[in-house]
C-alpha cells in the first residue's frame, strides 16, 4: 500500500509515527464510550489527561484509563480525504514519505 511501500524504501516506521504520516489517512482515534445513551460523554472528565493536539491523536474520544467492564467503539478506516491529501502533498516533511502515484491510483476509492 501507499505507506508500506515507502517503509520498504528505507524509511522506518518510527519516522512515520514521529511525523504523524498515518494521520493523513486515519483521521479517527478510538471511538466513544458506550453507555445508556449509546454516545456516553464520559470520555474527558476532570480526572482525565487533557486532549492531545497531535495529528492522528487529537480525535481520540478519551484518554481515561479504561476499567474492567467499560466498552468503547473502534472506528477504523483508511480515508482519502481531499483536504488532508492536498495538505500532505504540499508539506515537504510529509510528501517524502508518500507514494503519490499509488495514492492517486486509489484516491477515488475512499
N, C-alpha and C. Protein backbone atom coordinates (compact mmCIF):
# COMPACT_ATOMS: atom_id res chain seq x y z
N UNK A 1 0.84 -1.19 0.00
CA UNK A 1 0.00 0.00 0.00
C UNK A 1 0.88 1.24 0.00
N UNK A 2 0.31 2.37 0.11
CA UNK A 2 0.98 3.66 -0.05
C UNK A 2 2.09 3.90 0.96
N UNK A 3 1.82 3.66 2.23
CA UNK A 3 2.82 3.94 3.26
C UNK A 3 3.83 2.82 3.35
N UNK A 4 3.39 1.57 3.33
CA UNK A 4 4.31 0.45 3.48
C UNK A 4 5.34 0.43 2.36
N UNK A 5 4.97 0.81 1.15
CA UNK A 5 5.93 0.86 0.04
C UNK A 5 7.11 1.77 0.39
N UNK A 6 6.82 2.85 1.06
CA UNK A 6 7.89 3.79 1.45
C UNK A 6 8.72 3.27 2.61
N UNK A 7 8.09 2.56 3.54
CA UNK A 7 8.85 1.98 4.65
C UNK A 7 9.89 1.04 4.08
N UNK A 8 9.50 0.24 3.09
CA UNK A 8 10.43 -0.68 2.45
C UNK A 8 11.48 0.04 1.62
N UNK A 9 11.28 1.33 1.37
CA UNK A 9 12.23 2.12 0.59
C UNK A 9 13.26 2.82 1.46
N UNK A 10 13.36 2.43 2.71
CA UNK A 10 14.40 2.97 3.56
C UNK A 10 13.92 3.82 4.72
N UNK A 11 12.65 4.18 4.76
CA UNK A 11 12.13 4.93 5.90
C UNK A 11 11.68 3.95 6.97
N UNK A 12 11.87 4.33 8.21
CA UNK A 12 11.48 3.44 9.30
C UNK A 12 10.07 3.77 9.77
N UNK A 13 9.45 2.79 10.38
CA UNK A 13 8.14 3.00 10.96
C UNK A 13 8.19 4.10 12.03
N UNK A 14 9.28 4.15 12.78
CA UNK A 14 9.42 5.20 13.81
C UNK A 14 9.38 6.59 13.19
N UNK A 15 10.00 6.75 12.01
CA UNK A 15 9.96 8.05 11.32
C UNK A 15 8.53 8.42 10.93
N UNK A 16 7.81 7.44 10.42
CA UNK A 16 6.43 7.69 10.00
C UNK A 16 5.57 8.09 11.19
N UNK A 17 5.75 7.42 12.31
CA UNK A 17 4.98 7.75 13.51
C UNK A 17 5.39 9.13 14.01
N UNK A 18 6.66 9.41 14.06
CA UNK A 18 7.15 10.71 14.54
C UNK A 18 6.58 11.86 13.73
N UNK A 19 6.46 11.68 12.42
CA UNK A 19 5.96 12.74 11.55
C UNK A 19 4.45 12.67 11.33
N UNK A 20 3.76 11.77 12.06
CA UNK A 20 2.30 11.65 12.04
C UNK A 20 1.75 11.38 10.65
N UNK A 21 2.47 10.61 9.83
CA UNK A 21 2.07 10.34 8.45
C UNK A 21 0.75 9.57 8.41
N UNK A 22 0.54 8.66 9.32
CA UNK A 22 -0.70 7.90 9.34
C UNK A 22 -1.95 8.76 9.49
N UNK A 23 -1.81 9.92 10.11
CA UNK A 23 -2.96 10.81 10.31
C UNK A 23 -3.52 11.33 9.00
N UNK A 24 -2.73 11.30 7.92
CA UNK A 24 -3.24 11.72 6.62
C UNK A 24 -4.39 10.82 6.19
N UNK A 25 -4.28 9.53 6.49
CA UNK A 25 -5.26 8.54 6.03
C UNK A 25 -6.18 8.03 7.12
N UNK A 26 -5.79 8.19 8.37
CA UNK A 26 -6.55 7.65 9.50
C UNK A 26 -6.90 8.77 10.48
N UNK A 27 -7.92 9.57 10.16
CA UNK A 27 -8.21 10.74 10.99
C UNK A 27 -8.87 10.43 12.32
N UNK A 28 -9.40 9.22 12.48
CA UNK A 28 -10.11 8.87 13.72
C UNK A 28 -9.17 8.27 14.74
N UNK A 29 -9.49 8.49 15.98
CA UNK A 29 -8.83 7.78 17.05
C UNK A 29 -9.75 6.65 17.47
N UNK A 30 -9.58 6.16 18.68
CA UNK A 30 -10.55 5.22 19.20
C UNK A 30 -11.88 5.94 19.31
N UNK A 31 -12.93 5.19 19.31
CA UNK A 31 -14.25 5.79 19.33
C UNK A 31 -14.66 6.30 20.68
N UNK A 32 -15.94 6.40 20.86
CA UNK A 32 -16.52 6.94 22.07
C UNK A 32 -16.91 5.80 23.02
N UNK A 33 -17.09 6.15 24.26
CA UNK A 33 -17.57 5.18 25.23
C UNK A 33 -19.02 4.83 24.91
N UNK A 34 -19.39 3.61 25.21
CA UNK A 34 -20.79 3.18 25.06
C UNK A 34 -21.43 3.16 26.43
N UNK A 35 -22.59 3.76 26.52
CA UNK A 35 -23.31 3.79 27.79
C UNK A 35 -24.79 3.71 27.55
N UNK A 36 -25.56 4.18 28.48
CA UNK A 36 -27.01 4.11 28.38
C UNK A 36 -27.54 4.90 27.18
N UNK A 37 -26.88 5.97 26.82
CA UNK A 37 -27.31 6.81 25.70
C UNK A 37 -26.50 6.56 24.44
N UNK A 38 -25.91 5.42 24.30
CA UNK A 38 -25.05 5.00 23.19
C UNK A 38 -23.80 5.85 23.11
N UNK A 39 -23.91 7.16 22.96
CA UNK A 39 -22.74 8.04 22.93
C UNK A 39 -22.52 8.58 24.34
N UNK A 40 -21.80 7.87 25.14
CA UNK A 40 -21.54 8.28 26.51
C UNK A 40 -20.54 9.43 26.49
N UNK A 41 -20.82 10.47 27.23
CA UNK A 41 -19.98 11.67 27.22
C UNK A 41 -18.84 11.60 28.23
N UNK A 42 -18.59 10.45 28.84
CA UNK A 42 -17.61 10.35 29.91
C UNK A 42 -16.17 10.23 29.47
N UNK A 43 -15.85 10.52 28.23
CA UNK A 43 -14.50 10.34 27.73
C UNK A 43 -13.47 11.29 28.29
N UNK A 44 -13.87 12.52 28.57
CA UNK A 44 -12.95 13.51 29.13
C UNK A 44 -13.57 14.13 30.37
N UNK A 45 -13.30 13.51 31.49
CA UNK A 45 -13.76 14.04 32.78
C UNK A 45 -12.62 14.84 33.40
N UNK A 46 -12.91 15.47 34.52
CA UNK A 46 -11.90 16.29 35.20
C UNK A 46 -10.65 15.51 35.56
N UNK A 47 -10.78 14.23 35.85
CA UNK A 47 -9.64 13.43 36.30
C UNK A 47 -8.83 12.85 35.13
N UNK A 48 -9.25 13.07 33.89
CA UNK A 48 -8.57 12.51 32.72
C UNK A 48 -7.46 13.44 32.25
N UNK A 49 -6.42 12.88 31.63
CA UNK A 49 -5.42 13.74 31.00
C UNK A 49 -6.08 14.60 29.92
N UNK A 50 -5.53 15.77 29.65
CA UNK A 50 -6.15 16.64 28.65
C UNK A 50 -6.01 16.07 27.24
N UNK A 51 -6.85 16.55 26.36
CA UNK A 51 -6.88 16.10 24.97
C UNK A 51 -5.57 16.48 24.27
N UNK A 52 -5.04 15.53 23.51
CA UNK A 52 -3.81 15.78 22.75
C UNK A 52 -4.11 16.61 21.51
N UNK A 53 -3.14 17.36 21.04
CA UNK A 53 -3.32 18.23 19.87
C UNK A 53 -2.64 17.67 18.62
N UNK A 54 -1.95 16.54 18.72
CA UNK A 54 -1.20 15.98 17.60
C UNK A 54 -2.12 15.36 16.56
N UNK A 55 -1.75 15.52 15.30
CA UNK A 55 -2.49 14.89 14.21
C UNK A 55 -2.56 13.39 14.46
N UNK A 56 -3.74 12.82 14.22
CA UNK A 56 -3.93 11.40 14.44
C UNK A 56 -4.26 11.04 15.87
N UNK A 57 -4.04 11.94 16.81
CA UNK A 57 -4.37 11.70 18.21
C UNK A 57 -5.39 12.69 18.74
N UNK A 58 -5.56 13.82 18.06
CA UNK A 58 -6.49 14.84 18.54
C UNK A 58 -7.94 14.40 18.47
N UNK A 59 -8.23 13.34 17.71
CA UNK A 59 -9.60 12.85 17.60
C UNK A 59 -9.91 11.71 18.57
N UNK A 60 -8.98 11.38 19.44
CA UNK A 60 -9.28 10.36 20.45
C UNK A 60 -10.45 10.84 21.30
N UNK A 61 -11.41 9.99 21.51
CA UNK A 61 -12.60 10.38 22.26
C UNK A 61 -12.39 10.29 23.77
N UNK A 62 -11.28 9.67 24.17
CA UNK A 62 -10.98 9.58 25.60
C UNK A 62 -9.50 9.30 25.79
N UNK A 63 -8.97 9.73 26.92
CA UNK A 63 -7.63 9.36 27.35
C UNK A 63 -7.68 8.78 28.75
N UNK A 64 -8.87 8.48 29.20
CA UNK A 64 -9.02 7.94 30.54
C UNK A 64 -8.52 6.51 30.59
N UNK A 65 -8.17 6.06 31.78
CA UNK A 65 -7.77 4.67 31.97
C UNK A 65 -9.03 3.82 31.97
N UNK A 66 -9.08 2.85 31.08
CA UNK A 66 -10.26 2.00 30.98
C UNK A 66 -10.26 0.98 32.10
N UNK A 67 -11.44 0.77 32.64
CA UNK A 67 -11.64 -0.18 33.73
C UNK A 67 -12.37 -1.40 33.19
N UNK A 68 -12.28 -2.51 33.89
CA UNK A 68 -13.00 -3.72 33.51
C UNK A 68 -14.48 -3.40 33.35
N UNK A 69 -15.07 -3.87 32.27
CA UNK A 69 -16.49 -3.66 32.02
C UNK A 69 -16.81 -2.44 31.17
N UNK A 70 -15.84 -1.54 31.00
CA UNK A 70 -16.07 -0.38 30.13
C UNK A 70 -16.05 -0.85 28.68
N UNK A 71 -16.80 -0.16 27.86
CA UNK A 71 -16.88 -0.54 26.44
C UNK A 71 -16.77 0.71 25.58
N UNK A 72 -15.98 0.63 24.52
CA UNK A 72 -15.91 1.75 23.59
C UNK A 72 -15.83 1.23 22.17
N UNK A 73 -16.20 2.08 21.25
CA UNK A 73 -16.19 1.70 19.84
C UNK A 73 -14.78 1.84 19.29
N UNK A 74 -14.51 1.15 18.20
CA UNK A 74 -13.27 1.30 17.46
C UNK A 74 -13.70 1.74 16.07
N UNK A 75 -13.21 2.88 15.63
CA UNK A 75 -13.65 3.46 14.37
C UNK A 75 -12.50 3.44 13.36
N UNK A 76 -12.26 2.27 12.78
CA UNK A 76 -11.17 2.16 11.82
C UNK A 76 -11.59 2.71 10.46
N UNK A 77 -10.65 2.87 9.61
CA UNK A 77 -10.94 3.28 8.25
C UNK A 77 -9.73 3.96 7.65
N UNK A 78 -9.51 3.70 6.40
CA UNK A 78 -8.46 4.38 5.65
C UNK A 78 -9.17 5.31 4.67
N UNK A 79 -8.99 6.59 4.85
CA UNK A 79 -9.72 7.59 4.08
C UNK A 79 -8.79 8.37 3.16
N UNK A 80 -9.28 8.71 2.00
CA UNK A 80 -8.57 9.58 1.06
C UNK A 80 -9.34 10.89 1.02
N UNK A 81 -9.09 11.73 1.99
CA UNK A 81 -9.80 12.99 2.15
C UNK A 81 -9.05 14.06 1.35
N UNK A 82 -9.76 14.68 0.44
CA UNK A 82 -9.16 15.65 -0.47
C UNK A 82 -8.30 16.70 0.27
N UNK A 83 -8.89 17.32 1.28
CA UNK A 83 -8.18 18.36 2.01
C UNK A 83 -6.90 17.82 2.67
N UNK A 84 -7.01 16.67 3.32
CA UNK A 84 -5.85 16.08 4.01
C UNK A 84 -4.75 15.71 3.02
N UNK A 85 -5.14 15.17 1.87
CA UNK A 85 -4.14 14.81 0.85
C UNK A 85 -3.46 16.04 0.29
N UNK A 86 -4.22 17.08 0.00
CA UNK A 86 -3.62 18.31 -0.54
C UNK A 86 -2.65 18.93 0.47
N UNK A 87 -3.03 18.91 1.75
CA UNK A 87 -2.14 19.41 2.80
C UNK A 87 -0.85 18.59 2.84
N UNK A 88 -0.97 17.27 2.78
CA UNK A 88 0.19 16.38 2.84
C UNK A 88 1.08 16.56 1.61
N UNK A 89 0.47 16.66 0.43
CA UNK A 89 1.26 16.82 -0.80
C UNK A 89 2.02 18.15 -0.81
N UNK A 90 1.50 19.14 -0.10
CA UNK A 90 2.15 20.45 -0.04
C UNK A 90 3.15 20.60 1.09
N UNK A 91 3.29 19.58 1.91
CA UNK A 91 4.18 19.65 3.07
C UNK A 91 5.45 18.84 2.78
N UNK A 92 6.60 19.51 2.64
CA UNK A 92 7.84 18.80 2.30
C UNK A 92 8.26 17.77 3.35
N UNK A 93 7.81 17.93 4.60
CA UNK A 93 8.14 16.95 5.64
C UNK A 93 7.31 15.68 5.50
N UNK A 94 6.14 15.77 4.90
CA UNK A 94 5.25 14.61 4.77
C UNK A 94 5.35 13.97 3.40
N UNK A 95 5.40 14.75 2.34
CA UNK A 95 5.34 14.21 0.98
C UNK A 95 6.47 13.22 0.71
N UNK A 96 7.61 13.41 1.34
CA UNK A 96 8.73 12.50 1.09
C UNK A 96 8.44 11.07 1.55
N UNK A 97 7.45 10.90 2.44
CA UNK A 97 7.09 9.58 2.92
C UNK A 97 5.97 8.93 2.10
N UNK A 98 5.37 9.67 1.21
CA UNK A 98 4.21 9.18 0.47
C UNK A 98 4.57 8.75 -0.94
N UNK A 99 3.87 7.75 -1.41
CA UNK A 99 3.99 7.29 -2.79
C UNK A 99 2.81 7.92 -3.53
N UNK A 100 3.03 9.11 -4.06
CA UNK A 100 1.94 9.89 -4.65
C UNK A 100 1.26 9.16 -5.81
N UNK A 101 2.04 8.46 -6.63
CA UNK A 101 1.46 7.75 -7.76
C UNK A 101 0.48 6.66 -7.29
N UNK A 102 0.86 5.95 -6.24
CA UNK A 102 -0.02 4.89 -5.70
C UNK A 102 -1.26 5.52 -5.05
N UNK A 103 -1.07 6.61 -4.37
CA UNK A 103 -2.21 7.30 -3.75
C UNK A 103 -3.19 7.75 -4.83
N UNK A 104 -2.69 8.32 -5.90
CA UNK A 104 -3.55 8.76 -7.00
C UNK A 104 -4.33 7.59 -7.59
N UNK A 105 -3.70 6.44 -7.64
CA UNK A 105 -4.37 5.24 -8.17
C UNK A 105 -5.61 4.87 -7.36
N UNK A 106 -5.55 5.09 -6.05
CA UNK A 106 -6.67 4.70 -5.17
C UNK A 106 -7.47 5.88 -4.65
N UNK A 107 -7.14 7.08 -5.05
CA UNK A 107 -7.73 8.29 -4.49
C UNK A 107 -9.27 8.31 -4.59
N UNK A 108 -9.82 7.83 -5.64
CA UNK A 108 -11.27 7.86 -5.82
C UNK A 108 -12.00 6.80 -5.01
N UNK A 109 -11.26 5.86 -4.43
CA UNK A 109 -11.88 4.76 -3.69
C UNK A 109 -12.45 5.24 -2.37
N UNK A 110 -11.68 6.03 -1.64
CA UNK A 110 -12.10 6.37 -0.28
C UNK A 110 -12.32 7.79 -0.07
